[in-house]
Amino acid sequence: MLDEGRLAQGLLTQGGRAEDERTTFAFRQLTGRRPTRPELSTLRRLEADLLAMSTRQSVRSDDPNAPAVPELAAYSLLCSTLLSYDAAVTIR
């Protein structure tokens, strides 16, 4: 079973530093292909909106090595959205 939180943590640690790299990394992990331009454009807008909303929160983790909680929450929602996408590969 795939868990959005774990996917988001992996995305933040392995997906690159730039948001576009992270979005493309997540898409490739879940679909097995690179996003098309329209897909990437939509995902970039979603990612920007989620990050903007999450930065309004002031929650912090006790672990200094952990990603910021709002950023983790934003990428968890992005991963959740990608998991519901028809192109996402799932093995049952």
PDB file of N, CA and C in Angstrom:
ATOM      1  N   MET A   1       0.838  -1.183   0.000  1.00  0.00           N
ATOM      2  CA  MET A   1       0.000   0.000   0.000  1.00  0.00           C
ATOM      3  C   MET A   1       0.884   1.247   0.000  1.00  0.00           C
ATOM      4  N   LEU A   2       0.503   2.207  -0.790  1.00  0.00           N
ATOM      5  CA  LEU A   2       1.256   3.460  -0.858  1.00  0.00           C
ATOM      6  C   LEU A   2       0.692   4.454   0.140  1.00  0.00           C
ATOM      7  N   ASP A   3       1.577   5.147   0.798  1.00  0.00           N
ATOM      8  CA  ASP A   3       1.204   6.131   1.804  1.00  0.00           C
ATOM      9  C   ASP A   3       1.707   7.493   1.348  1.00  0.00           C
ATOM     10  N   GLU A   4       0.807   8.475   1.263  1.00  0.00           N
ATOM     11  CA  GLU A   4       1.173   9.801   0.781  1.00  0.00           C
ATOM     12  C   GLU A   4       2.287  10.434   1.607  1.00  0.00           C
ATOM     13  N   GLY A   5       2.250  10.242   2.910  1.00  0.00           N
ATOM     14  CA  GLY A   5       3.263  10.827   3.781  1.00  0.00           C
ATOM     15  C   GLY A   5       4.653  10.283   3.501  1.00  0.00           C
ATOM     16  N   ARG A   6       4.736   8.971   3.315  1.00  0.00           N
ATOM     17  CA  ARG A   6       6.038   8.366   3.004  1.00  0.00           C
ATOM     18  C   ARG A   6       6.521   8.779   1.624  1.00  0.00           C
ATOM     19  N   LEU A   7       5.599   8.841   0.681  1.00  0.00           N
ATOM     20  CA  LEU A   7       5.971   9.305  -0.654  1.00  0.00           C
ATOM     21  C   LEU A   7       6.487  10.740  -0.601  1.00  0.00           C
ATOM     22  N   ALA A   8       5.824  11.573   0.181  1.00  0.00           N
ATOM     23  CA  ALA A   8       6.242  12.974   0.306  1.00  0.00           C
ATOM     24  C   ALA A   8       7.611  13.085   0.961  1.00  0.00           C
ATOM     25  N   GLN A   9       7.863  12.278   1.986  1.00  0.00           N
ATOM     26  CA  GLN A   9       9.185  12.306   2.621  1.00  0.00           C
ATOM     27  C   GLN A   9      10.268  11.897   1.628  1.00  0.00           C
ATOM     28  N   GLY A  10      10.017  10.863   0.850  1.00  0.00           N
ATOM     29  CA  GLY A  10      10.967  10.447  -0.167  1.00  0.00           C
ATOM     30  C   GLY A  10      11.162  11.516  -1.226  1.00  0.00           C
ATOM     31  N   LEU A  11      10.084  12.172  -1.553  1.00  0.00           N
ATOM     32  CA  LEU A  11      10.135  13.255  -2.531  1.00  0.00           C
ATOM     33  C   LEU A  11      11.018  14.393  -2.040  1.00  0.00           C
ATOM     34  N   LEU A  12      10.897  14.725  -0.770  1.00  0.00           N
ATOM     35  CA  LEU A  12      11.683  15.821  -0.210  1.00  0.00           C
ATOM     36  C   LEU A  12      13.159  15.453  -0.042  1.00  0.00           C
ATOM     37  N   THR A  13      13.445  14.175   0.177  1.00  0.00           N
ATOM     38  CA  THR A  13      14.841  13.781   0.377  1.00  0.00           C
ATOM     39  C   THR A  13      15.528  13.356  -0.909  1.00  0.00           C
ATOM     40  N   GLN A  14      14.769  12.827  -1.882  1.00  0.00           N
ATOM     41  CA  GLN A  14      15.375  12.299  -3.104  1.00  0.00           C
ATOM     42  C   GLN A  14      14.956  13.030  -4.368  1.00  0.00           C
ATOM     43  N   GLY A  15      13.959  13.860  -4.284  1.00  0.00           N
ATOM     44  CA  GLY A  15      13.366  14.455  -5.478  1.00  0.00           C
ATOM     45  C   GLY A  15      14.043  15.690  -6.013  1.00  0.00           C
ATOM     46  N   GLY A  16      15.097  16.139  -5.377  1.00  0.00           N
ATOM     47  CA  GLY A  16      15.774  17.346  -5.838  1.00  0.00           C
ATOM     48  C   GLY A  16      15.449  18.534  -4.948  1.00  0.00           C
ATOM     49  N   ARG A  17      16.087  19.638  -5.233  1.00  0.00           N
ATOM     50  CA  ARG A  17      15.902  20.829  -4.400  1.00  0.00           C
ATOM     51  C   ARG A  17      14.813  21.751  -4.950  1.00  0.00           C
ATOM     52  N   ALA A  18      14.717  21.850  -6.250  1.00  0.00           N
ATOM     53  CA  ALA A  18      13.737  22.756  -6.858  1.00  0.00           C
ATOM     54  C   ALA A  18      12.359  22.104  -6.890  1.00  0.00           C
ATOM     55  N   GLU A  19      11.334  22.953  -6.790  1.00  0.00           N
ATOM     56  CA  GLU A  19       9.973  22.419  -6.770  1.00  0.00           C
ATOM     57  C   GLU A  19       9.631  21.679  -8.064  1.00  0.00           C
ATOM     58  N   ASP A  20      10.080  22.216  -9.214  1.00  0.00           N
ATOM     59  CA  ASP A  20       9.801  21.547 -10.483  1.00  0.00           C
ATOM     60  C   ASP A  20      10.429  20.157 -10.527  1.00  0.00           C
ATOM     61  N   GLU A  21      11.620  20.025  -9.981  1.00  0.00           N
ATOM     62  CA  GLU A  21      12.276  18.717  -9.944  1.00  0.00           C
ATOM     63  C   GLU A  21      11.475  17.752  -9.086  1.00  0.00           C
ATOM     64  N   ARG A  22      10.973  18.241  -7.979  1.00  0.00           N
ATOM     65  CA  ARG A  22      10.198  17.382  -7.073  1.00  0.00           C
ATOM     66  C   ARG A  22       8.902  16.932  -7.720  1.00  0.00           C
ATOM     67  N   THR A  23       8.242  17.855  -8.400  1.00  0.00           N
ATOM     68  CA  THR A  23       6.987  17.513  -9.060  1.00  0.00           C
ATOM     69  C   THR A  23       7.216  16.464 -10.140  1.00  0.00           C
ATOM     70  N   THR A  24       8.229  16.662 -10.957  1.00  0.00           N
ATOM     71  CA  THR A  24       8.543  15.709 -12.022  1.00  0.00           C
ATOM     72  C   THR A  24       8.948  14.360 -11.432  1.00  0.00           C
ATOM     73  N   PHE A  25       9.742  14.388 -10.357  1.00  0.00           N
ATOM     74  CA  PHE A  25      10.168  13.159  -9.689  1.00  0.00           C
ATOM     75  C   PHE A  25       8.955  12.377  -9.187  1.00  0.00           C
ATOM     76  N   ALA A  26       8.034  13.057  -8.514  1.00  0.00           N
ATOM     77  CA  ALA A  26       6.843  12.390  -7.991  1.00  0.00           C
ATOM     78  C   ALA A  26       6.012  11.794  -9.113  1.00  0.00           C
ATOM     79  N   PHE A  27       5.824  12.554 -10.171  1.00  0.00           N
ATOM     80  CA  PHE A  27       5.033  12.070 -11.300  1.00  0.00           C
ATOM     81  C   PHE A  27       5.672  10.821 -11.901  1.00  0.00           C
ATOM     82  N   ARG A  28       6.985  10.860 -12.085  1.00  0.00           N
ATOM     83  CA  ARG A  28       7.681   9.705 -12.670  1.00  0.00           C
ATOM     84  C   ARG A  28       7.619   8.490 -11.756  1.00  0.00           C
ATOM     85  N   GLN A  29       7.713   8.708 -10.450  1.00  0.00           N
ATOM     86  CA  GLN A  29       7.641   7.590  -9.512  1.00  0.00           C
ATOM     87  C   GLN A  29       6.291   6.894  -9.566  1.00  0.00           C
ATOM     88  N   LEU A  30       5.243   7.654  -9.790  1.00  0.00           N
ATOM     89  CA  LEU A  30       3.893   7.086  -9.727  1.00  0.00           C
ATOM     90  C   LEU A  30       3.321   6.672 -11.078  1.00  0.00           C
ATOM     91  N   THR A  31       3.864   7.210 -12.172  1.00  0.00           N
ATOM     92  CA  THR A  31       3.308   6.870 -13.482  1.00  0.00           C
ATOM     93  C   THR A  31       4.296   6.120 -14.369  1.00  0.00           C
ATOM     94  N   GLY A  32       5.584   6.219 -14.042  1.00  0.00           N
ATOM     95  CA  GLY A  32       6.583   5.562 -14.870  1.00  0.00           C
ATOM     96  C   GLY A  32       6.958   6.348 -16.114  1.00  0.00           C
ATOM     97  N   ARG A  33       6.515   7.588 -16.208  1.00  0.00           N
ATOM     98  CA  ARG A  33       6.852   8.424 -17.359  1.00  0.00           C
ATOM     99  C   ARG A  33       6.970   9.881 -16.939  1.00  0.00           C
ATOM    100  N   ARG A  34       7.535  10.687 -17.825  1.00  0.00           N
ATOM    101  CA  ARG A  34       7.631  12.119 -17.562  1.00  0.00           C
ATOM    102  C   ARG A  34       6.268  12.761 -17.832  1.00  0.00           C
ATOM    103  N   PRO A  35       5.920  13.814 -17.095  1.00  0.00           N
ATOM    104  CA  PRO A  35       4.637  14.479 -17.360  1.00  0.00           C
ATOM    105  C   PRO A  35       4.676  15.244 -18.677  1.00  0.00           C
ATOM    106  N   THR A  36       3.540  15.310 -19.332  1.00  0.00           N
ATOM    107  CA  THR A  36       3.430  16.141 -20.528  1.00  0.00           C
ATOM    108  C   THR A  36       3.430  17.608 -20.104  1.00  0.00           C
ATOM    109  N   ARG A  37       3.589  18.500 -21.050  1.00  0.00           N
ATOM    110  CA  ARG A  37       3.601  19.930 -20.702  1.00  0.00           C
ATOM    111  C   ARG A  37       2.315  20.369 -20.004  1.00  0.00           C
ATOM    112  N   PRO A  38       1.140  19.991 -20.528  1.00  0.00           N
ATOM    113  CA  PRO A  38      -0.084  20.389 -19.813  1.00  0.00           C
ATOM    114  C   PRO A  38      -0.169  19.800 -18.401  1.00  0.00           C
ATOM    115  N   GLU A  39       0.236  18.542 -18.238  1.00  0.00           N
ATOM    116  CA  GLU A  39       0.220  17.923 -16.912  1.00  0.00           C
ATOM    117  C   GLU A  39       1.168  18.648 -15.968  1.00  0.00           C
ATOM    118  N   LEU A  40       2.381  18.939 -16.452  1.00  0.00           N
ATOM    119  CA  LEU A  40       3.361  19.616 -15.615  1.00  0.00           C
ATOM    120  C   LEU A  40       2.894  21.020 -15.244  1.00  0.00           C
ATOM    121  N   SER A  41       2.276  21.706 -16.177  1.00  0.00           N
ATOM    122  CA  SER A  41       1.757  23.049 -15.899  1.00  0.00           C
ATOM    123  C   SER A  41       0.694  23.002 -14.794  1.00  0.00           C
ATOM    124  N   THR A  42      -0.207  22.049 -14.900  1.00  0.00           N
ATOM    125  CA  THR A  42      -1.257  21.892 -13.885  1.00  0.00           C
ATOM    126  C   THR A  42      -0.650  21.538 -12.533  1.00  0.00           C
ATOM    127  N   LEU A  43       0.303  20.617 -12.531  1.00  0.00           N
ATOM    128  CA  LEU A  43       0.942  20.199 -11.276  1.00  0.00           C
ATOM    129  C   LEU A  43       1.745  21.337 -10.656  1.00  0.00           C
ATOM    130  N   ARG A  44       2.376  22.155 -11.471  1.00  0.00           N
ATOM    131  CA  ARG A  44       3.132  23.303 -10.940  1.00  0.00           C
ATOM    132  C   ARG A  44       2.196  24.287 -10.247  1.00  0.00           C
ATOM    133  N   ARG A  45       1.042  24.539 -10.867  1.00  0.00           N
ATOM    134  CA  ARG A  45       0.069  25.446 -10.238  1.00  0.00           C
ATOM    135  C   ARG A  45      -0.435  24.865  -8.926  1.00  0.00           C
ATOM    136  N   LEU A  46      -0.754  23.581  -8.924  1.00  0.00           N
ATOM    137  CA  LEU A  46      -1.214  22.920  -7.704  1.00  0.00           C
ATOM    138  C   LEU A  46      -0.138  22.980  -6.629  1.00  0.00           C
ATOM    139  N   GLU A  47       1.087  22.667  -7.009  1.00  0.00           N
ATOM    140  CA  GLU A  47       2.195  22.691  -6.057  1.00  0.00           C
ATOM    141  C   GLU A  47       2.387  24.084  -5.463  1.00  0.00           C
ATOM    142  N   ALA A  48       2.340  25.103  -6.305  1.00  0.00           N
ATOM    143  CA  ALA A  48       2.505  26.485  -5.823  1.00  0.00           C
ATOM    144  C   ALA A  48       1.385  26.854  -4.854  1.00  0.00           C
ATOM    145  N   ASP A  49       0.155  26.476  -5.188  1.00  0.00           N
ATOM    146  CA  ASP A  49      -0.985  26.766  -4.303  1.00  0.00           C
ATOM    147  C   ASP A  49      -0.841  26.045  -2.972  1.00  0.00           C
ATOM    148  N   LEU A  50      -0.465  24.759  -3.017  1.00  0.00           N
ATOM    149  CA  LEU A  50      -0.319  23.983  -1.780  1.00  0.00           C
ATOM    150  C   LEU A  50       0.799  24.532  -0.906  1.00  0.00           C
ATOM    151  N   LEU A  51       1.922  24.887  -1.517  1.00  0.00           N
ATOM    152  CA  LEU A  51       3.031  25.444  -0.739  1.00  0.00           C
ATOM    153  C   LEU A  51       2.664  26.799  -0.146  1.00  0.00           C
ATOM    154  N   ALA A  52       1.940  27.618  -0.906  1.00  0.00           N
ATOM    155  CA  ALA A  52       1.518  28.923  -0.387  1.00  0.00           C
ATOM    156  C   ALA A  52       0.578  28.755   0.802  1.00  0.00           C
ATOM    157  N   MET A  53      -0.355  27.815   0.692  1.00  0.00           N
ATOM    158  CA  MET A  53      -1.286  27.580   1.806  1.00  0.00           C
ATOM    159  C   MET A  53      -0.558  26.999   3.013  1.00  0.00           C
ATOM    160  N   SER A  54       0.391  26.107   2.763  1.00  0.00           N
ATOM    161  CA  SER A  54       1.061  25.438   3.878  1.00  0.00           C
ATOM    162  C   SER A  54       2.001  26.365   4.638  1.00  0.00           C
ATOM    163  N   THR A  55       2.541  27.380   3.995  1.00  0.00           N
ATOM    164  CA  THR A  55       3.464  28.281   4.688  1.00  0.00           C
ATOM    165  C   THR A  55       2.739  29.183   5.674  1.00  0.00           C
ATOM    166  N   ARG A  56       1.437  29.220   5.592  1.00  0.00           N
ATOM    167  CA  ARG A  56       0.661  29.997   6.574  1.00  0.00           C
ATOM    168  C   ARG A  56       0.599  29.304   7.925  1.00  0.00           C
ATOM    169  N   GLN A  57       0.936  28.028   7.934  1.00  0.00           N
ATOM    170  CA  GLN A  57       0.924  27.257   9.178  1.00  0.00           C
ATOM    171  C   GLN A  57       2.247  27.464   9.913  1.00  0.00           C
ATOM    172  N   SER A  58       2.235  27.409  11.229  1.00  0.00           N
ATOM    173  CA  SER A  58       3.455  27.627  12.001  1.00  0.00           C
ATOM    174  C   SER A  58       3.862  26.398  12.808  1.00  0.00           C
ATOM    175  N   VAL A  59       3.476  25.216  12.343  1.00  0.00           N
ATOM    176  CA  VAL A  59       3.795  23.974  13.043  1.00  0.00           C
ATOM    177  C   VAL A  59       5.223  23.564  12.693  1.00  0.00           C
ATOM    178  N   ARG A  60       5.982  23.110  13.665  1.00  0.00           N
ATOM    179  CA  ARG A  60       7.355  22.657  13.461  1.00  0.00           C
ATOM    180  C   ARG A  60       7.521  21.266  14.062  1.00  0.00           C
ATOM    181  N   SER A  61       8.442  20.522  13.488  1.00  0.00           N
ATOM    182  CA  SER A  61       8.768  19.198  14.015  1.00  0.00           C
ATOM    183  C   SER A  61       9.847  19.336  15.085  1.00  0.00           C
ATOM    184  N   ASP A  62       9.889  18.388  16.009  1.00  0.00           N
ATOM    185  CA  ASP A  62      10.932  18.379  17.030  1.00  0.00           C
ATOM    186  C   ASP A  62      12.269  17.902  16.457  1.00  0.00           C
ATOM    187  N   ASP A  63      12.234  17.184  15.356  1.00  0.00           N
ATOM    188  CA  ASP A  63      13.442  16.650  14.725  1.00  0.00           C
ATOM    189  C   ASP A  63      14.056  17.725  13.829  1.00  0.00           C
ATOM    190  N   PRO A  64      15.279  18.193  14.130  1.00  0.00           N
ATOM    191  CA  PRO A  64      15.886  19.245  13.320  1.00  0.00           C
ATOM    192  C   PRO A  64      16.235  18.797  11.905  1.00  0.00           C
ATOM    193  N   ASN A  65      16.339  17.491  11.666  1.00  0.00           N
ATOM    194  CA  ASN A  65      16.654  16.987  10.330  1.00  0.00           C
ATOM    195  C   ASN A  65      15.410  16.731   9.486  1.00  0.00           C
ATOM    196  N   ALA A  66      14.257  16.813  10.095  1.00  0.00           N
ATOM    197  CA  ALA A  66      13.005  16.562   9.382  1.00  0.00           C
ATOM    198  C   ALA A  66      12.648  17.768   8.518  1.00  0.00           C
ATOM    199  N   PRO A  67      11.971  17.519   7.391  1.00  0.00           N
ATOM    200  CA  PRO A  67      11.524  18.648   6.590  1.00  0.00           C
ATOM    201  C   PRO A  67      10.486  19.455   7.359  1.00  0.00           C
ATOM    202  N   ALA A  68      10.310  20.688   6.992  1.00  0.00           N
ATOM    203  CA  ALA A  68       9.314  21.529   7.648  1.00  0.00           C
ATOM    204  C   ALA A  68       7.948  20.860   7.520  1.00  0.00           C
ATOM    205  N   VAL A  69       7.192  20.874   8.579  1.00  0.00           N
ATOM    206  CA  VAL A  69       5.884  20.207   8.600  1.00  0.00           C
ATOM    207  C   VAL A  69       4.957  20.763   7.523  1.00  0.00           C
ATOM    208  N   PRO A  70       4.871  22.090   7.342  1.00  0.00           N
ATOM    209  CA  PRO A  70       3.985  22.589   6.288  1.00  0.00           C
ATOM    210  C   PRO A  70       4.404  22.118   4.887  1.00  0.00           C
ATOM    211  N   GLU A  71       5.693  22.081   4.621  1.00  0.00           N
ATOM    212  CA  GLU A  71       6.174  21.616   3.324  1.00  0.00           C
ATOM    213  C   GLU A  71       5.840  20.135   3.136  1.00  0.00           C
ATOM    214  N   LEU A  72       6.015  19.345   4.174  1.00  0.00           N
ATOM    215  CA  LEU A  72       5.676  17.926   4.114  1.00  0.00           C
ATOM    216  C   LEU A  72       4.177  17.748   3.869  1.00  0.00           C
ATOM    217  N   ALA A  73       3.368  18.556   4.516  1.00  0.00           N
ATOM    218  CA  ALA A  73       1.916  18.482   4.320  1.00  0.00           C
ATOM    219  C   ALA A  73       1.542  18.826   2.877  1.00  0.00           C
ATOM    220  N   ALA A  74       2.166  19.857   2.331  1.00  0.00           N
ATOM    221  CA  ALA A  74       1.869  20.261   0.957  1.00  0.00           C
ATOM    222  C   ALA A  74       2.225  19.150  -0.021  1.00  0.00           C
ATOM    223  N   TYR A  75       3.397  18.552   0.150  1.00  0.00           N
ATOM    224  CA  TYR A  75       3.797  17.487  -0.767  1.00  0.00           C
ATOM    225  C   TYR A  75       3.014  16.203  -0.527  1.00  0.00           C
ATOM    226  N   SER A  76       2.516  15.988   0.681  1.00  0.00           N
ATOM    227  CA  SER A  76       1.637  14.841   0.931  1.00  0.00           C
ATOM    228  C   SER A  76       0.347  14.990   0.128  1.00  0.00           C
ATOM    229  N   LEU A  77      -0.187  16.202   0.102  1.00  0.00           N
ATOM    230  CA  LEU A  77      -1.403  16.446  -0.684  1.00  0.00           C
ATOM    231  C   LEU A  77      -1.137  16.303  -2.175  1.00  0.00           C
ATOM    232  N   LEU A  78       0.031  16.749  -2.623  1.00  0.00           N
ATOM    233  CA  LEU A  78       0.389  16.592  -4.032  1.00  0.00           C
ATOM    234  C   LEU A  78       0.488  15.105  -4.377  1.00  0.00           C
ATOM    235  N   CYS A  79       1.118  14.323  -3.519  1.00  0.00           N
ATOM    236  CA  CYS A  79       1.229  12.876  -3.754  1.00  0.00           C
ATOM    237  C   CYS A  79      -0.139  12.207  -3.724  1.00  0.00           C
ATOM    238  N   SER A  80      -0.992  12.646  -2.835  1.00  0.00           N
ATOM    239  CA  SER A  80      -2.346  12.104  -2.769  1.00  0.00           C
ATOM    240  C   SER A  80      -3.101  12.369  -4.074  1.00  0.00           C
ATOM    241  N   THR A  81      -2.931  13.553  -4.595  1.00  0.00           N
ATOM    242  CA  THR A  81      -3.562  13.909  -5.865  1.00  0.00           C
ATOM    243  C   THR A  81      -3.026  13.029  -6.989  1.00  0.00           C
ATOM    244  N   LEU A  82      -1.719  12.843  -7.017  1.00  0.00           N
ATOM    245  CA  LEU A  82      -1.119  12.010  -8.057  1.00  0.00           C
ATOM    246  C   LEU A  82      -1.559  10.547  -7.937  1.00  0.00           C
ATOM    247  N   LEU A  83      -1.736  10.063  -6.716  1.00  0.00           N
ATOM    248  CA  LEU A  83      -2.180   8.684  -6.530  1.00  0.00           C
ATOM    249  C   LEU A  83      -3.588   8.458  -7.079  1.00  0.00           C
ATOM    250  N   SER A  84      -4.384   9.509  -7.103  1.00  0.00           N
ATOM    251  CA  SER A  84      -5.747   9.361  -7.621  1.00  0.00           C
ATOM    252  C   SER A  84      -5.820   9.578  -9.140  1.00  0.00           C
ATOM    253  N   TYR A  85      -4.690   9.940  -9.734  1.00  0.00           N
ATOM    254  CA  TYR A  85      -4.617  10.189 -11.171  1.00  0.00           C
ATOM    255  C   TYR A  85      -4.697   8.845 -11.915  1.00  0.00           C
ATOM    256  N   ASP A  86      -5.441   8.806 -12.997  1.00  0.00           N
ATOM    257  CA  ASP A  86      -5.617   7.559 -13.736  1.00  0.00           C
ATOM    258  C   ASP A  86      -4.325   6.954 -14.239  1.00  0.00           C
ATOM    259  N   ALA A  87      -3.330   7.788 -14.513  1.00  0.00           N
ATOM    260  CA  ALA A  87      -2.069   7.275 -15.060  1.00  0.00           C
ATOM    261  C   ALA A  87      -1.163   6.682 -13.980  1.00  0.00           C
ATOM    262  N   ALA A  88      -1.508   6.847 -12.717  1.00  0.00           N
ATOM    263  CA  ALA A  88      -0.667   6.314 -11.638  1.00  0.00           C
ATOM    264  C   ALA A  88      -0.634   4.800 -11.707  1.00  0.00           C
ATOM    265  N   VAL A  89       0.553   4.263 -11.573  1.00  0.00           N
ATOM    266  CA  VAL A  89       0.742   2.817 -11.661  1.00  0.00           C
ATOM    267  C   VAL A  89       0.552   2.236 -10.265  1.00  0.00           C
ATOM    268  N   THR A  90      -0.345   1.271 -10.154  1.00  0.00           N
ATOM    269  CA  THR A  90      -0.516   0.580  -8.882  1.00  0.00           C
ATOM    270  C   THR A  90      -0.412  -0.923  -9.134  1.00  0.00           C
ATOM    271  N   ILE A  91       0.255  -1.578  -8.234  1.00  0.00           N
ATOM    272  CA  ILE A  91       0.398  -3.037  -8.315  1.00  0.00           C
ATOM    273  C   ILE A  91      -0.464  -3.628  -7.214  1.00  0.00           C
ATOM    274  N   ARG A  92      -1.351  -4.480  -7.613  1.00  0.00           N
ATOM    275  CA  ARG A  92      -2.257  -5.083  -6.631  1.00  0.00           C
ATOM    276  C   ARG A  92      -1.903  -6.535  -6.436  1.00  0.00           C
TER     277      ARG A  92
END
